[in-house]
Amino acid sequence: MGDKLTHIDTDGRARMVDVSGKPATKRVAMAEGRVLMSARALELARSKGGKGDVRATAEIAGVMAAKRTSDLIPMCHPLALSNVKVRVDELDDGSGIGVVAEVGTTGPTGVEMEALTAVSVACLTIYDMLKAVDRTMQIEGVKLLSKSGGASGDFVAGA
């Protein structure tokens, strides 16, 4: 990891990093998060009741969000994404729903923010769809799991 912020210039001003001289390489990032909820909310999510299929809606929302990351995060570059997969599943312990996103591209900059945005928006969509039953839900654990490609090399959380 570096010891300086790449989105701050020498005068302390925010800037978009110039990636014009960087080679296009294959980039992949994975992120995860979860929504903890009551048993009743989880039951409704399973039953596709209320506002519809919670899982499918959250997965689609995550894909859409990954594609719009540069509209949401000021210093992100607009990227031509080649792959976005969002998976929403019940947590093994029955405490809620987990989200995992994988995003890929071939380009001069990574897709970590796109993977994190996909997870965040999918989690928010789950909250939105179930909030009528449980306003105490908690979104937590949103984090980068891995990234590959680029000059900074590969990253795997916990490795």
C-alpha atoms as a PDB file:
ATOM      1  CA  MET A   1       0.000   0.000   0.000  1.00  0.00           C
ATOM      2  CA  GLY A   2       1.165   3.509  -0.715  1.00  0.00           C
ATOM      3  CA  ASP A   3       1.704   6.245   1.820  1.00  0.00           C
ATOM      4  CA  LYS A   4      -0.050   9.076   0.001  1.00  0.00           C
ATOM      5  CA  LEU A   5      -3.572   9.801  -1.193  1.00  0.00           C
ATOM      6  CA  THR A   6      -3.871   9.504  -4.960  1.00  0.00           C
ATOM      7  CA  HIS A   7      -6.975  11.693  -5.245  1.00  0.00           C
ATOM      8  CA  ILE A   8      -5.312  14.724  -3.613  1.00  0.00           C
ATOM      9  CA  ASP A   9      -2.884  16.911  -5.591  1.00  0.00           C
ATOM     10  CA  THR A  10       0.217  18.672  -4.205  1.00  0.00           C
ATOM     11  CA  ASP A  11      -1.908  21.687  -3.251  1.00  0.00           C
ATOM     12  CA  GLY A  12      -4.320  19.531  -1.243  1.00  0.00           C
ATOM     13  CA  ARG A  13      -7.116  19.716  -3.812  1.00  0.00           C
ATOM     14  CA  ALA A  14      -9.265  16.779  -4.839  1.00  0.00           C
ATOM     15  CA  ARG A  15      -8.499  15.427  -8.300  1.00  0.00           C
ATOM     16  CA  MET A  16      -9.305  12.564 -10.572  1.00  0.00           C
ATOM     17  CA  VAL A  17      -6.228  10.390 -11.098  1.00  0.00           C
ATOM     18  CA  ASP A  18      -4.831  10.565 -14.638  1.00  0.00           C
ATOM     19  CA  VAL A  19      -4.877   6.983 -15.941  1.00  0.00           C
ATOM     20  CA  SER A  20      -4.209   7.881 -19.587  1.00  0.00           C
ATOM     21  CA  GLY A  21      -0.678   6.454 -19.493  1.00  0.00           C
ATOM     22  CA  LYS A  22      -1.607   3.192 -17.784  1.00  0.00           C
ATOM     23  CA  PRO A  23      -1.964   0.004 -19.824  1.00  0.00           C
ATOM     24  CA  ALA A  24      -5.332  -1.704 -20.097  1.00  0.00           C
ATOM     25  CA  THR A  25      -5.207  -4.916 -18.091  1.00  0.00           C
ATOM     26  CA  LYS A  26      -7.814  -7.362 -16.844  1.00  0.00           C
ATOM     27  CA  ARG A  27      -9.207  -6.155 -13.492  1.00  0.00           C
ATOM     28  CA  VAL A  28     -11.528  -8.056 -11.152  1.00  0.00           C
ATOM     29  CA  ALA A  29     -12.809  -7.120  -7.691  1.00  0.00           C
ATOM     30  CA  MET A  30     -15.095  -8.865  -5.213  1.00  0.00           C
ATOM     31  CA  ALA A  31     -16.918  -7.310  -2.265  1.00  0.00           C
ATOM     32  CA  GLU A  32     -19.449  -8.432   0.317  1.00  0.00           C
ATOM     33  CA  GLY A  33     -21.928  -7.117   2.850  1.00  0.00           C
ATOM     34  CA  ARG A  34     -24.964  -8.255   4.808  1.00  0.00           C
ATOM     35  CA  VAL A  35     -28.298  -7.092   6.129  1.00  0.00           C
ATOM     36  CA  LEU A  36     -29.198  -8.401   9.578  1.00  0.00           C
ATOM     37  CA  MET A  37     -32.943  -8.590  10.261  1.00  0.00           C
ATOM     38  CA  SER A  38     -35.752 -10.080  12.263  1.00  0.00           C
ATOM     39  CA  ALA A  39     -37.010 -13.586  11.619  1.00  0.00           C
ATOM     40  CA  ARG A  40     -40.283 -12.120  10.272  1.00  0.00           C
ATOM     41  CA  ALA A  41     -38.482  -9.922   7.732  1.00  0.00           C
ATOM     42  CA  LEU A  42     -36.357 -12.862   6.604  1.00  0.00           C
ATOM     43  CA  GLU A  43     -39.492 -14.993   6.252  1.00  0.00           C
ATOM     44  CA  LEU A  44     -41.072 -12.340   4.018  1.00  0.00           C
ATOM     45  CA  ALA A  45     -37.900 -12.044   1.959  1.00  0.00           C
ATOM     46  CA  ARG A  46     -37.996 -15.804   1.411  1.00  0.00           C
ATOM     47  CA  SER A  47     -41.686 -15.781   0.454  1.00  0.00           C
ATOM     48  CA  LYS A  48     -41.364 -13.031  -2.160  1.00  0.00           C
ATOM     49  CA  GLY A  49     -44.184 -11.241  -0.359  1.00  0.00           C
ATOM     50  CA  GLY A  50     -44.840  -7.547  -0.037  1.00  0.00           C
ATOM     51  CA  LYS A  51     -43.063  -5.575  -2.750  1.00  0.00           C
ATOM     52  CA  GLY A  52     -42.018  -8.638  -4.753  1.00  0.00           C
ATOM     53  CA  ASP A  53     -38.926 -10.795  -5.105  1.00  0.00           C
ATOM     54  CA  VAL A  54     -36.436  -9.211  -2.707  1.00  0.00           C
ATOM     55  CA  ARG A  55     -33.479 -11.288  -3.881  1.00  0.00           C
ATOM     56  CA  ALA A  56     -33.951 -10.694  -7.613  1.00  0.00           C
ATOM     57  CA  THR A  57     -34.657  -6.993  -7.110  1.00  0.00           C
ATOM     58  CA  ALA A  58     -31.526  -6.518  -4.960  1.00  0.00           C
ATOM     59  CA  GLU A  59     -29.362  -8.397  -7.468  1.00  0.00           C
ATOM     60  CA  ILE A  60     -30.593  -6.226 -10.331  1.00  0.00           C
ATOM     61  CA  ALA A  61     -30.149  -3.058  -8.244  1.00  0.00           C
ATOM     62  CA  GLY A  62     -26.559  -4.081  -7.490  1.00  0.00           C
ATOM     63  CA  VAL A  63     -25.761  -4.583 -11.172  1.00  0.00           C
ATOM     64  CA  MET A  64     -27.322  -1.238 -12.063  1.00  0.00           C
ATOM     65  CA  ALA A  65     -25.377   0.501  -9.288  1.00  0.00           C
ATOM     66  CA  ALA A  66     -22.032  -0.940 -10.407  1.00  0.00           C
ATOM     67  CA  LYS A  67     -22.668   0.502 -13.864  1.00  0.00           C
ATOM     68  CA  ARG A  68     -23.397   3.960 -12.374  1.00  0.00           C
ATOM     69  CA  THR A  69     -20.569   4.158  -9.821  1.00  0.00           C
ATOM     70  CA  SER A  70     -18.847   7.101 -11.510  1.00  0.00           C
ATOM     71  CA  ASP A  71     -22.116   9.063 -11.223  1.00  0.00           C
ATOM     72  CA  LEU A  72     -22.139   8.509  -7.448  1.00  0.00           C
ATOM     73  CA  ILE A  73     -18.469   8.636  -6.387  1.00  0.00           C
ATOM     74  CA  PRO A  74     -16.900  11.906  -7.582  1.00  0.00           C
ATOM     75  CA  MET A  75     -13.361  10.746  -8.428  1.00  0.00           C
ATOM     76  CA  CYS A  76     -14.268   7.403 -10.031  1.00  0.00           C
ATOM     77  CA  HIS A  77     -13.646   6.974 -13.726  1.00  0.00           C
ATOM     78  CA  PRO A  78     -16.525   5.836 -15.930  1.00  0.00           C
ATOM     79  CA  LEU A  79     -15.623   2.283 -16.917  1.00  0.00           C
ATOM     80  CA  ALA A  80     -16.794  -0.153 -19.561  1.00  0.00           C
ATOM     81  CA  LEU A  81     -17.594  -3.086 -17.319  1.00  0.00           C
ATOM     82  CA  SER A  82     -17.298  -6.511 -18.895  1.00  0.00           C
ATOM     83  CA  ASN A  83     -18.823  -8.445 -16.011  1.00  0.00           C
ATOM     84  CA  VAL A  84     -21.043  -7.725 -13.012  1.00  0.00           C
ATOM     85  CA  LYS A  85     -22.387 -10.563 -10.879  1.00  0.00           C
ATOM     86  CA  VAL A  86     -24.377  -9.892  -7.719  1.00  0.00           C
ATOM     87  CA  ARG A  87     -25.500 -12.776  -5.550  1.00  0.00           C
ATOM     88  CA  VAL A  88     -27.992 -12.386  -2.710  1.00  0.00           C
ATOM     89  CA  ASP A  89     -28.478 -15.340  -0.345  1.00  0.00           C
ATOM     90  CA  GLU A  90     -29.765 -16.045   3.129  1.00  0.00           C
ATOM     91  CA  LEU A  91     -26.960 -16.180   5.708  1.00  0.00           C
ATOM     92  CA  ASP A  92     -26.206 -19.685   7.003  1.00  0.00           C
ATOM     93  CA  ASP A  93     -27.004 -18.697  10.594  1.00  0.00           C
ATOM     94  CA  GLY A  94     -30.446 -17.331   9.663  1.00  0.00           C
ATOM     95  CA  SER A  95     -29.655 -13.804  10.877  1.00  0.00           C
ATOM     96  CA  GLY A  96     -30.282 -12.085   7.560  1.00  0.00           C
ATOM     97  CA  ILE A  97     -29.204 -11.823   3.954  1.00  0.00           C
ATOM     98  CA  GLY A  98     -25.699 -11.672   2.498  1.00  0.00           C
ATOM     99  CA  VAL A  99     -24.600  -9.991  -0.717  1.00  0.00           C
ATOM    100  CA  VAL A 100     -21.504 -10.738  -2.801  1.00  0.00           C
ATOM    101  CA  ALA A 101     -20.563  -8.829  -5.950  1.00  0.00           C
ATOM    102  CA  GLU A 102     -17.898  -9.548  -8.548  1.00  0.00           C
ATOM    103  CA  VAL A 103     -17.042  -6.900 -11.123  1.00  0.00           C
ATOM    104  CA  GLY A 104     -14.622  -7.125 -14.028  1.00  0.00           C
ATOM    105  CA  THR A 105     -13.230  -4.971 -16.803  1.00  0.00           C
ATOM    106  CA  THR A 106     -10.210  -4.626 -19.025  1.00  0.00           C
ATOM    107  CA  GLY A 107      -8.924  -1.126 -18.553  1.00  0.00           C
ATOM    108  CA  PRO A 108      -6.405   1.241 -16.969  1.00  0.00           C
ATOM    109  CA  THR A 109      -7.990   1.348 -13.487  1.00  0.00           C
ATOM    110  CA  GLY A 110      -9.554  -1.061 -11.025  1.00  0.00           C
ATOM    111  CA  VAL A 111     -13.147  -1.926 -10.212  1.00  0.00           C
ATOM    112  CA  GLU A 112     -13.054  -2.025  -6.415  1.00  0.00           C
ATOM    113  CA  MET A 113     -15.449   0.902  -6.089  1.00  0.00           C
ATOM    114  CA  GLU A 114     -17.877  -0.695  -8.529  1.00  0.00           C
ATOM    115  CA  ALA A 115     -17.949  -3.924  -6.489  1.00  0.00           C
ATOM    116  CA  LEU A 116     -18.415  -2.011  -3.222  1.00  0.00           C
ATOM    117  CA  THR A 117     -21.149   0.153  -4.756  1.00  0.00           C
ATOM    118  CA  ALA A 118     -22.978  -2.919  -6.077  1.00  0.00           C
ATOM    119  CA  VAL A 119     -22.981  -4.488  -2.599  1.00  0.00           C
ATOM    120  CA  SER A 120     -24.001  -1.268  -0.861  1.00  0.00           C
ATOM    121  CA  VAL A 121     -26.948  -0.583  -3.162  1.00  0.00           C
ATOM    122  CA  ALA A 122     -28.098  -4.215  -3.079  1.00  0.00           C
ATOM    123  CA  CYS A 123     -28.096  -4.042   0.743  1.00  0.00           C
ATOM    124  CA  LEU A 124     -29.992  -0.740   0.682  1.00  0.00           C
ATOM    125  CA  THR A 125     -32.531  -2.279  -1.699  1.00  0.00           C
ATOM    126  CA  ILE A 126     -33.088  -5.174   0.694  1.00  0.00           C
ATOM    127  CA  TYR A 127     -33.616  -2.675   3.509  1.00  0.00           C
ATOM    128  CA  ASP A 128     -36.053  -0.652   1.409  1.00  0.00           C
ATOM    129  CA  MET A 129     -38.115  -3.669   0.470  1.00  0.00           C
ATOM    130  CA  LEU A 130     -38.374  -4.996   4.032  1.00  0.00           C
ATOM    131  CA  LYS A 131     -38.475  -1.795   6.111  1.00  0.00           C
ATOM    132  CA  ALA A 132     -42.264  -1.926   6.536  1.00  0.00           C
ATOM    133  CA  VAL A 133     -41.752  -5.028   8.687  1.00  0.00           C
ATOM    134  CA  ASP A 134     -38.396  -4.297  10.366  1.00  0.00           C
ATOM    135  CA  ARG A 135     -36.894  -0.823  10.684  1.00  0.00           C
ATOM    136  CA  THR A 136     -34.207  -2.183  13.029  1.00  0.00           C
ATOM    137  CA  MET A 137     -32.343  -3.970  10.217  1.00  0.00           C
ATOM    138  CA  GLN A 138     -28.608  -3.347  10.143  1.00  0.00           C
ATOM    139  CA  ILE A 139     -26.385  -3.130   7.088  1.00  0.00           C
ATOM    140  CA  GLU A 140     -22.881  -4.185   8.013  1.00  0.00           C
ATOM    141  CA  GLY A 141     -19.669  -5.792   6.910  1.00  0.00           C
ATOM    142  CA  VAL A 142     -19.426  -4.048   3.544  1.00  0.00           C
ATOM    143  CA  LYS A 143     -15.844  -4.677   2.494  1.00  0.00           C
ATOM    144  CA  LEU A 144     -13.518  -5.504  -0.347  1.00  0.00           C
ATOM    145  CA  LEU A 145     -12.761  -9.229  -0.462  1.00  0.00           C
ATOM    146  CA  SER A 146     -10.248  -9.250  -3.292  1.00  0.00           C
ATOM    147  CA  LYS A 147      -8.940  -7.424  -6.307  1.00  0.00           C
ATOM    148  CA  SER A 148      -6.621  -8.448  -9.103  1.00  0.00           C
ATOM    149  CA  GLY A 149      -4.870  -6.666 -11.923  1.00  0.00           C
ATOM    150  CA  GLY A 150      -2.997  -3.422 -12.141  1.00  0.00           C
ATOM    151  CA  ALA A 151       0.348  -2.096 -10.974  1.00  0.00           C
ATOM    152  CA  SER A 152      -0.465  -2.375  -7.262  1.00  0.00           C
ATOM    153  CA  GLY A 153      -0.900  -6.129  -7.603  1.00  0.00           C
ATOM    154  CA  ASP A 154      -3.427  -8.476  -6.118  1.00  0.00           C
ATOM    155  CA  PHE A 155      -5.210  -8.088  -2.798  1.00  0.00           C
ATOM    156  CA  VAL A 156      -7.055 -10.708  -0.754  1.00  0.00           C
ATOM    157  CA  ALA A 157      -8.688  -9.659   2.519  1.00  0.00           C
ATOM    158  CA  GLY A 158      -7.128 -11.346   5.537  1.00  0.00           C
ATOM    159  CA  ALA A 159      -4.139 -12.672   3.575  1.00  0.00           C
END
